[in-house]
Amino acid sequence: MNATKNLRNNKFLKRFNNNTVNTKEDYYKYQKSFMKEELDEETVLQVYIKNFDSILSNINFPVLALFGENDMNVDWKKTKPLYEKTLSRNTDLTVKSLPNRNHNLYPCKTGGFYEFQNNDMPRTRCVGFLNAITDWLNKISHIQISNNTKNFLV
């Protein structure tokens, strides 16, 4: 606990704890529950949704997946092929990765946790973010119009 004394008082982390400092007991309680979580063997990231591939396989509407290439929460290099394998079977899938962007698609150098609290790092969406969304919406609107026309004509 002494090693994390300063970390427990960190303003950025306190936002996640309703601006309180965890007690030693709270810390150990959390660690016990966290140690029970399933971790991905390759990335060692926490698995939040089990059988995610079967869930993705049932999606049947257009999907735009935007990934920050410096994302420390989601391994985009592993997720992209998963999406391509599962989603592209049943739907129109568009995948775009954005270099030097974190999980929130903000500009970053490493994607590391402490960059979120660095006020010198810009908090603006990256170049290409809105264009990717606009292009995708234009693309799927043509698909939707085409599909609606087919249904109407039949």
Protein backbone atom coordinates (compact mmCIF):
# COMPACT_ATOMS: atom_id res chain seq x y z
CA MET A 1 0.00 0.00 0.00
CA ASN A 2 2.88 2.38 0.63
CA ALA A 3 3.95 2.04 -2.98
CA THR A 4 0.54 3.26 -4.15
CA LYS A 5 0.08 6.01 -1.56
CA ASN A 6 0.65 8.79 -4.06
CA LEU A 7 -1.29 7.01 -6.75
CA ARG A 8 -4.33 6.68 -4.45
CA ASN A 9 -4.28 10.46 -3.99
CA ASN A 10 -3.91 11.16 -7.69
CA LYS A 11 -6.60 13.66 -8.85
CA PHE A 12 -7.09 11.86 -12.11
CA LEU A 13 -7.70 8.48 -10.44
CA LYS A 14 -9.94 10.00 -7.77
CA ARG A 15 -12.44 10.85 -10.52
CA PHE A 16 -13.08 7.12 -10.85
CA ASN A 17 -13.68 6.77 -7.10
CA ASN A 18 -16.07 9.70 -6.64
CA ASN A 19 -13.18 11.86 -5.42
CA THR A 20 -12.38 9.62 -2.46
CA VAL A 21 -9.24 7.82 -1.41
CA ASN A 22 -9.63 4.07 -1.11
CA THR A 23 -8.81 2.48 2.20
CA LYS A 24 -6.42 -0.41 2.48
CA GLU A 25 -9.40 -2.75 2.90
CA ASP A 26 -11.07 -1.34 -0.24
CA TYR A 27 -7.87 -1.85 -2.17
CA TYR A 28 -7.50 -5.51 -1.15
CA LYS A 29 -11.18 -6.18 -1.76
CA TYR A 30 -10.88 -4.81 -5.29
CA GLN A 31 -7.70 -6.79 -5.94
CA LYS A 32 -9.40 -10.04 -4.88
CA SER A 33 -12.29 -9.44 -7.27
CA PHE A 34 -9.96 -8.31 -10.06
CA MET A 35 -7.79 -11.42 -9.74
CA LYS A 36 -10.87 -13.54 -10.50
CA GLU A 37 -11.39 -11.78 -13.85
CA GLU A 38 -10.58 -13.63 -17.05
CA LEU A 39 -7.58 -12.22 -18.89
CA ASP A 40 -6.78 -12.71 -22.55
CA GLU A 41 -3.76 -15.02 -22.73
CA GLU A 42 -2.13 -13.13 -25.59
CA THR A 43 -2.70 -9.49 -24.59
CA VAL A 44 -3.25 -9.92 -20.84
CA LEU A 45 -6.16 -7.46 -21.11
CA GLN A 46 -9.34 -8.16 -19.18
CA VAL A 47 -12.03 -10.04 -21.09
CA TYR A 48 -15.20 -8.00 -20.60
CA ILE A 49 -17.52 -10.03 -22.82
CA LYS A 50 -17.17 -13.79 -23.02
CA ASN A 51 -17.96 -15.44 -26.36
CA PHE A 52 -17.75 -12.05 -28.05
CA ASP A 53 -17.25 -13.71 -31.42
CA SER A 54 -20.64 -15.45 -31.25
CA ILE A 55 -22.32 -12.17 -30.32
CA LEU A 56 -20.65 -10.39 -33.23
CA SER A 57 -21.71 -13.14 -35.64
CA ASN A 58 -25.37 -12.30 -34.97
CA ILE A 59 -25.11 -8.63 -35.92
CA ASN A 60 -26.78 -7.93 -39.25
CA PHE A 61 -26.57 -4.17 -39.74
CA PRO A 62 -23.73 -1.96 -41.05
CA VAL A 63 -20.84 -1.43 -38.65
CA LEU A 64 -18.11 1.21 -38.55
CA ALA A 65 -15.19 0.22 -36.33
CA LEU A 66 -12.71 2.99 -35.52
CA PHE A 67 -9.55 2.04 -33.68
CA GLY A 68 -6.81 4.15 -32.17
CA GLU A 69 -3.53 2.47 -33.01
CA ASN A 70 -2.10 3.42 -29.59
CA ASP A 71 -5.13 2.12 -27.68
CA MET A 72 -4.03 0.47 -24.44
CA ASN A 73 -7.56 -0.81 -23.64
CA VAL A 74 -8.39 -2.63 -26.87
CA ASP A 75 -5.84 -4.48 -28.95
CA TRP A 76 -6.97 -3.26 -32.35
CA LYS A 77 -4.62 -5.63 -34.20
CA LYS A 78 -6.42 -8.55 -32.60
CA THR A 79 -9.91 -7.04 -32.71
CA LYS A 80 -9.81 -6.07 -36.39
CA PRO A 81 -9.42 -9.67 -37.65
CA LEU A 82 -12.11 -10.80 -35.20
CA TYR A 83 -14.52 -8.24 -36.63
CA GLU A 84 -13.58 -9.20 -40.19
CA LYS A 85 -14.10 -12.89 -39.43
CA THR A 86 -17.45 -12.49 -37.67
CA LEU A 87 -19.14 -9.29 -38.79
CA SER A 88 -18.25 -9.28 -42.46
CA ARG A 89 -20.21 -12.51 -42.97
CA ASN A 90 -23.57 -10.89 -42.23
CA THR A 91 -23.12 -7.19 -42.66
CA ASP A 92 -21.31 -4.34 -44.34
CA LEU A 93 -18.22 -3.77 -42.19
CA THR A 94 -15.92 -0.75 -42.44
CA VAL A 95 -12.75 -0.75 -40.33
CA LYS A 96 -10.43 2.21 -39.96
CA SER A 97 -7.42 2.52 -37.68
CA LEU A 98 -6.09 5.95 -36.76
CA PRO A 99 -2.36 6.32 -36.01
CA ASN A 100 -1.12 8.04 -32.84
CA ARG A 101 -4.58 7.92 -31.23
CA ASN A 102 -5.65 6.43 -27.90
CA HIS A 103 -8.83 4.60 -26.88
CA ASN A 104 -10.84 7.83 -27.07
CA LEU A 105 -9.29 8.63 -30.47
CA TYR A 106 -7.46 11.62 -29.04
CA PRO A 107 -3.92 12.41 -30.24
CA CYS A 108 -1.31 10.71 -28.06
CA LYS A 109 2.28 9.57 -28.05
CA THR A 110 1.96 6.19 -26.32
CA GLY A 111 -1.70 5.71 -25.37
CA GLY A 112 -0.53 5.27 -21.78
CA PHE A 113 -2.78 5.93 -18.82
CA TYR A 114 -1.02 9.09 -17.66
CA GLU A 115 -1.42 10.82 -21.00
CA PHE A 116 -5.09 11.20 -20.10
CA GLN A 117 -4.16 13.51 -17.26
CA ASN A 118 -1.51 15.43 -19.19
CA ASN A 119 -3.19 18.79 -19.84
CA ASP A 120 -0.59 19.59 -22.50
CA MET A 121 -1.94 16.80 -24.72
CA PRO A 122 -4.69 18.01 -27.07
CA ARG A 123 -8.26 16.92 -26.35
CA THR A 124 -9.46 17.28 -29.90
CA ARG A 125 -10.64 14.53 -32.17
CA CYS A 126 -8.04 13.46 -34.65
CA VAL A 127 -7.85 14.46 -38.27
CA GLY A 128 -9.95 12.04 -40.26
CA PHE A 129 -12.29 11.11 -37.39
CA LEU A 130 -15.32 13.06 -38.59
CA ASN A 131 -14.50 12.34 -42.23
CA ALA A 132 -14.49 8.60 -41.53
CA ILE A 133 -17.92 8.85 -39.90
CA THR A 134 -19.33 11.09 -42.64
CA ASP A 135 -17.99 8.85 -45.42
CA TRP A 136 -19.42 5.77 -43.69
CA LEU A 137 -22.84 7.37 -43.19
CA ASN A 138 -22.93 8.36 -46.86
CA LYS A 139 -21.93 4.82 -47.83
CA ILE A 140 -24.57 3.08 -45.70
CA SER A 141 -27.30 5.55 -46.64
CA HIS A 142 -26.89 4.38 -50.25
CA ILE A 143 -27.05 0.77 -49.11
CA GLN A 144 -30.20 1.46 -47.07
CA ILE A 145 -31.87 3.32 -49.94
CA SER A 146 -30.96 0.52 -52.34
CA ASN A 147 -32.31 -2.17 -49.96
CA ASN A 148 -35.50 -0.20 -49.30
CA THR A 149 -36.07 0.22 -53.02
CA LYS A 150 -35.66 -3.52 -53.59
CA ASN A 151 -38.13 -4.28 -50.82
CA PHE A 152 -40.56 -1.73 -52.18
CA LEU A 153 -40.36 -3.07 -55.74
CA VAL A 154 -40.86 -6.71 -54.73
